[in-house]
């Protein structure tokens, strides 16, 4: 359970920072980033293989690798700012992060406050849990307890379909929600496919997928007042899609090709 232990160590170290107050951020242009010579990228480090901490405490994974390539493409150094699912947009809006490479699903609600790039990844989200629980659709959630990570699209998806007597337990980070399932605190979890892969390495043959919640395209996130930065990110991603290098990076970390559904996703 090394990956999740690393993630839990990270979570404990930044718990106080999660309460950051959101303040309007001044415009941060691409020129300003280039002038300061560094881009600060918010990334999850508790969500392998998108982001995790290696044995030296360095952020690695699909998102940090892609962030490094983007920083190189605009000629600046990279600073990774560890964030959680619950605080990542707050960190962006407060100006602590210039951009988020943080496994964020593209949703209409989020588009009201931030801008998304073209999709660069995609997840399938499931209700998942104990083998002995036989449910196949949302009706089966009645009277059940289910865990989710606060501030995620699976939180939104579960909340939308939960019955009045469904007990939805929310956790502040993905490592904690996974640990809640593994330790028996909750029998069910609203969770994405990549996290299921990590759980099954730790607890094989204990859990099964119950039903699909949604397919979710992911985008890089910038503030509303950063159109030049968004254009640079889109040019970067479209170039990497065209030359095949984005697909290769995805295969390296996800052990699977880029999902077909992301090309038809909301942008």
Protein backbone atom coordinates (compact mmCIF):
# COMPACT_ATOMS: atom_id res chain seq x y z
CA UNK A 1 0.00 0.00 0.00
CA UNK A 2 3.03 2.27 -0.56
CA UNK A 3 1.32 4.69 -2.95
CA UNK A 4 -1.60 5.31 -0.61
CA UNK A 5 0.76 5.63 2.42
CA UNK A 6 2.73 8.30 0.57
CA UNK A 7 -0.51 10.06 -0.27
CA UNK A 8 -1.75 9.94 3.32
CA UNK A 9 1.56 11.41 4.54
CA UNK A 10 1.12 14.27 2.09
CA UNK A 11 -2.46 14.89 3.19
CA UNK A 12 -1.46 15.22 6.83
CA UNK A 13 1.23 17.76 5.93
CA UNK A 14 -1.14 20.10 4.09
CA UNK A 15 -4.33 19.78 6.13
CA UNK A 16 -4.08 23.32 7.48
CA UNK A 17 -3.42 24.78 4.02
CA UNK A 18 -6.68 23.31 2.74
CA UNK A 19 -8.62 26.08 4.45
CA UNK A 20 -7.18 28.80 2.17
CA UNK A 21 -9.51 31.77 1.68
CA UNK A 22 -10.52 32.46 -1.90
CA UNK A 23 -9.66 36.00 -2.95
CA UNK A 24 -9.97 37.48 -6.44
CA UNK A 25 -6.69 36.99 -8.27
CA UNK A 26 -5.10 39.59 -10.51
CA UNK A 27 -4.71 38.73 -14.16
CA UNK A 28 -1.70 36.52 -14.81
CA UNK A 29 -0.69 36.65 -18.45
CA UNK A 30 1.59 34.31 -20.33
CA UNK A 31 4.09 37.17 -20.55
CA UNK A 32 4.05 37.62 -16.77
CA UNK A 33 4.76 33.92 -16.29
CA UNK A 34 7.63 34.07 -18.77
CA UNK A 35 9.00 37.22 -17.12
CA UNK A 36 9.10 35.60 -13.68
CA UNK A 37 10.68 32.49 -15.25
CA UNK A 38 8.59 29.97 -13.31
CA UNK A 39 5.10 28.56 -13.58
CA UNK A 40 3.38 27.28 -10.43
CA UNK A 41 1.23 24.29 -11.27
CA UNK A 42 -1.29 22.83 -8.83
CA UNK A 43 -1.33 19.01 -9.00
CA UNK A 44 -2.79 16.17 -6.97
CA UNK A 45 -0.15 13.94 -5.41
CA UNK A 46 -2.60 11.53 -3.79
CA UNK A 47 -4.13 10.14 -6.98
CA UNK A 48 -1.87 7.66 -8.77
CA UNK A 49 -1.12 7.31 -11.61
CA UNK A 50 -2.23 10.91 -12.34
CA UNK A 51 -0.08 12.20 -9.50
CA UNK A 52 1.80 10.74 -6.53
CA UNK A 53 4.94 11.19 -4.45
CA UNK A 54 7.99 9.08 -5.25
CA UNK A 55 10.40 7.73 -2.63
CA UNK A 56 12.20 11.10 -2.61
CA UNK A 57 9.01 13.05 -1.97
CA UNK A 58 8.90 14.39 -5.54
CA UNK A 59 5.67 14.71 -7.50
CA UNK A 60 5.51 12.24 -10.39
CA UNK A 61 2.78 10.90 -12.63
CA UNK A 62 0.82 11.80 -15.75
CA UNK A 63 -0.07 15.32 -14.58
CA UNK A 64 3.37 16.34 -13.23
CA UNK A 65 5.11 14.93 -16.33
CA UNK A 66 2.74 16.80 -18.62
CA UNK A 67 3.16 19.98 -16.57
CA UNK A 68 6.96 19.72 -16.94
CA UNK A 69 6.63 19.36 -20.70
CA UNK A 70 4.35 22.40 -20.83
CA UNK A 71 6.77 24.48 -18.74
CA UNK A 72 9.58 23.47 -21.11
CA UNK A 73 7.44 24.42 -24.11
CA UNK A 74 7.05 28.01 -22.87
CA UNK A 75 10.63 28.25 -21.62
CA UNK A 76 10.13 28.47 -17.85
CA UNK A 77 10.91 26.39 -14.77
CA UNK A 78 8.23 24.32 -13.09
CA UNK A 79 7.12 24.53 -9.47
CA UNK A 80 4.60 21.85 -8.42
CA UNK A 81 2.16 22.98 -5.73
CA UNK A 82 0.49 19.95 -4.08
CA UNK A 83 -3.28 20.37 -3.90
CA UNK A 84 -6.24 18.20 -2.92
CA UNK A 85 -9.55 17.59 -4.67
CA UNK A 86 -11.26 19.87 -2.15
CA UNK A 87 -8.90 22.87 -2.38
CA UNK A 88 -7.45 22.83 -5.92
CA UNK A 89 -9.80 25.44 -7.45
CA UNK A 90 -9.41 27.63 -4.35
CA UNK A 91 -5.64 27.58 -4.83
CA UNK A 92 -6.05 28.68 -8.44
CA UNK A 93 -8.54 31.46 -7.73
CA UNK A 94 -6.48 32.79 -4.83
CA UNK A 95 -3.42 33.12 -7.10
CA UNK A 96 -1.31 30.50 -5.31
CA UNK A 97 -1.33 28.39 -8.49
CA UNK A 98 -1.01 29.76 -12.02
CA UNK A 99 -2.70 26.74 -13.61
CA UNK A 100 -4.04 23.34 -12.54
CA UNK A 101 -2.85 20.05 -13.98
CA UNK A 102 -4.98 18.31 -11.36
CA UNK A 103 -7.29 15.69 -12.90
CA UNK A 104 -10.26 18.03 -13.02
CA UNK A 105 -13.40 16.89 -14.80
CA UNK A 106 -14.99 19.38 -17.20
CA UNK A 107 -18.43 20.34 -15.88
CA UNK A 108 -20.89 23.16 -16.55
CA UNK A 109 -20.78 24.18 -12.88
CA UNK A 110 -16.99 24.55 -12.87
CA UNK A 111 -17.08 26.41 -16.19
CA UNK A 112 -18.92 29.21 -14.40
CA UNK A 113 -15.79 30.06 -12.38
CA UNK A 114 -12.79 28.74 -14.36
CA UNK A 115 -11.81 27.92 -17.94
CA UNK A 116 -10.86 24.45 -19.17
CA UNK A 117 -8.53 23.35 -21.92
CA UNK A 118 -9.42 20.79 -24.53
CA UNK A 119 -9.63 17.34 -22.90
CA UNK A 120 -6.33 15.62 -22.19
CA UNK A 121 -7.60 12.53 -20.32
CA UNK A 122 -10.81 10.84 -19.29
CA UNK A 123 -12.14 8.71 -16.47
CA UNK A 124 -15.00 6.31 -15.97
CA UNK A 125 -16.63 6.57 -12.56
CA UNK A 126 -18.42 3.73 -10.81
CA UNK A 127 -20.28 2.78 -7.69
CA UNK A 128 -17.88 0.18 -6.34
CA UNK A 129 -17.74 -1.85 -3.16
CA UNK A 130 -18.13 -5.05 -1.15
CA UNK A 131 -18.77 -8.16 -3.21
CA UNK A 132 -21.68 -9.15 -0.98
CA UNK A 133 -23.68 -6.01 -1.84
CA UNK A 134 -25.79 -6.82 -4.89
CA UNK A 135 -26.87 -3.55 -6.49
CA UNK A 136 -27.00 -2.76 -10.19
CA UNK A 137 -28.47 0.74 -10.41
CA UNK A 138 -29.23 3.89 -8.43
CA UNK A 139 -32.30 2.35 -6.80
CA UNK A 140 -29.98 0.02 -4.91
CA UNK A 141 -28.40 2.96 -3.06
CA UNK A 142 -31.50 3.36 -0.91
CA UNK A 143 -30.55 2.73 2.71
CA UNK A 144 -26.87 2.26 1.86
CA UNK A 145 -23.77 4.12 3.05
CA UNK A 146 -21.41 5.27 0.31
CA UNK A 147 -18.16 7.24 0.46
CA UNK A 148 -16.96 9.91 -1.98
CA UNK A 149 -14.11 12.37 -2.17
CA UNK A 150 -15.36 15.87 -1.45
CA UNK A 151 -15.33 18.30 -4.38
CA UNK A 152 -15.04 15.64 -7.10
CA UNK A 153 -17.39 14.88 -9.97
CA UNK A 154 -18.13 11.50 -8.41
CA UNK A 155 -19.35 13.39 -5.34
CA UNK A 156 -21.69 15.35 -7.62
CA UNK A 157 -22.79 12.23 -9.49
CA UNK A 158 -23.55 10.22 -6.33
CA UNK A 159 -25.35 13.14 -4.70
CA UNK A 160 -27.55 13.54 -7.78
CA UNK A 161 -28.81 9.94 -7.71
CA UNK A 162 -28.75 9.13 -3.98
CA UNK A 163 -32.06 8.31 -2.32
CA UNK A 164 -33.26 10.36 0.65
CA UNK A 165 -32.09 7.64 3.04
CA UNK A 166 -28.68 7.12 1.41
CA UNK A 167 -25.86 8.06 3.79
CA UNK A 168 -23.18 9.84 1.73
CA UNK A 169 -19.88 10.05 3.64
CA UNK A 170 -17.49 12.67 2.27
CA UNK A 171 -13.70 12.61 2.65
CA UNK A 172 -11.29 15.43 1.92
CA UNK A 173 -8.93 13.49 -0.34
CA UNK A 174 -8.83 10.38 -2.50
CA UNK A 175 -6.43 8.46 -0.26
CA UNK A 176 -8.78 8.85 2.71
CA UNK A 177 -11.87 7.75 0.77
CA UNK A 178 -10.05 4.67 -0.54
CA UNK A 179 -8.81 3.86 2.96
CA UNK A 180 -12.36 4.20 4.29
CA UNK A 181 -13.51 1.48 1.89
CA UNK A 182 -10.54 -0.82 2.53
CA UNK A 183 -10.86 -0.50 6.32
CA UNK A 184 -14.61 -1.14 6.27
CA UNK A 185 -15.74 2.34 7.34
CA UNK A 186 -17.96 2.40 4.25
CA UNK A 187 -19.15 -0.57 2.15
CA UNK A 188 -19.45 1.39 -1.10
CA UNK A 189 -17.49 4.12 -2.85
CA UNK A 190 -18.16 6.49 -5.73
CA UNK A 191 -14.80 6.25 -7.45
CA UNK A 192 -12.95 6.54 -10.76
CA UNK A 193 -11.43 3.61 -12.63
CA UNK A 194 -7.81 4.58 -11.94
CA UNK A 195 -8.42 4.61 -8.18
CA UNK A 196 -10.14 1.23 -8.45
CA UNK A 197 -6.92 -0.13 -9.93
CA UNK A 198 -4.94 1.06 -6.92
CA UNK A 199 -7.48 -0.30 -4.43
CA UNK A 200 -7.43 -3.72 -6.06
CA UNK A 201 -3.66 -3.90 -5.76
CA UNK A 202 -4.04 -3.42 -2.02
CA UNK A 203 -7.23 -5.44 -1.47
CA UNK A 204 -7.63 -7.97 -4.31
CA UNK A 205 -10.90 -9.89 -4.73
CA UNK A 206 -12.77 -7.95 -2.03
CA UNK A 207 -14.72 -5.47 -4.13
CA UNK A 208 -16.62 -5.25 -7.43
CA UNK A 209 -17.96 -2.55 -9.75
CA UNK A 210 -21.71 -2.15 -9.24
CA UNK A 211 -22.70 0.25 -12.02
CA UNK A 212 -21.32 3.10 -14.14
CA UNK A 213 -21.90 6.62 -12.84
CA UNK A 214 -20.51 8.61 -15.75
CA UNK A 215 -17.74 9.08 -18.28
CA UNK A 216 -15.78 12.21 -17.45
CA UNK A 217 -13.39 14.19 -19.66
CA UNK A 218 -10.55 15.98 -17.83
CA UNK A 219 -9.07 19.38 -18.68
CA UNK A 220 -6.24 21.68 -17.65
CA UNK A 221 -7.68 24.63 -15.70
CA UNK A 222 -6.89 28.36 -15.78
CA UNK A 223 -8.60 31.41 -14.34
CA UNK A 224 -11.18 33.29 -16.36
CA UNK A 225 -8.81 36.24 -16.78
CA UNK A 226 -6.04 34.19 -18.43
CA UNK A 227 -7.07 33.73 -22.10
CA UNK A 228 -3.48 33.83 -23.41
CA UNK A 229 -2.41 31.13 -20.99
CA UNK A 230 -5.42 29.00 -21.99
CA UNK A 231 -4.54 29.40 -25.68
CA UNK A 232 -0.96 28.32 -24.97
CA UNK A 233 -2.17 25.24 -23.08
CA UNK A 234 -4.56 24.31 -25.89
CA UNK A 235 -1.85 24.75 -28.55
CA UNK A 236 0.45 22.56 -26.46
CA UNK A 237 -2.14 19.80 -25.99
CA UNK A 238 -3.33 19.84 -29.59
CA UNK A 239 0.27 19.59 -30.77
CA UNK A 240 0.92 16.61 -28.51
CA UNK A 241 -2.27 14.91 -29.69
CA UNK A 242 -1.28 15.45 -33.31
CA UNK A 243 2.26 14.07 -32.95
CA UNK A 244 1.12 11.15 -30.78
CA UNK A 245 3.22 12.07 -27.74
CA UNK A 246 0.20 12.69 -25.49
CA UNK A 247 -1.05 9.20 -26.25
CA UNK A 248 2.37 7.76 -25.46
CA UNK A 249 2.53 9.55 -22.10
CA UNK A 250 -0.98 8.32 -21.29
CA UNK A 251 0.01 4.74 -22.18
CA UNK A 252 3.12 5.06 -20.00
CA UNK A 253 1.19 6.00 -16.88
CA UNK A 254 -2.32 4.61 -17.43
CA UNK A 255 -1.34 1.44 -19.31
CA UNK A 256 -4.18 2.24 -21.71
CA UNK A 257 -4.79 4.47 -24.76
CA UNK A 258 -6.49 7.84 -24.50
CA UNK A 259 -10.26 7.25 -24.18
CA UNK A 260 -12.20 7.79 -27.40
CA UNK A 261 -15.02 9.59 -25.59
CA UNK A 262 -12.91 12.61 -24.68
CA UNK A 263 -12.96 13.96 -28.23
CA UNK A 264 -16.74 14.37 -28.08
CA UNK A 265 -16.75 15.82 -24.56
CA UNK A 266 -17.88 19.27 -23.51
CA UNK A 267 -15.12 21.87 -24.03
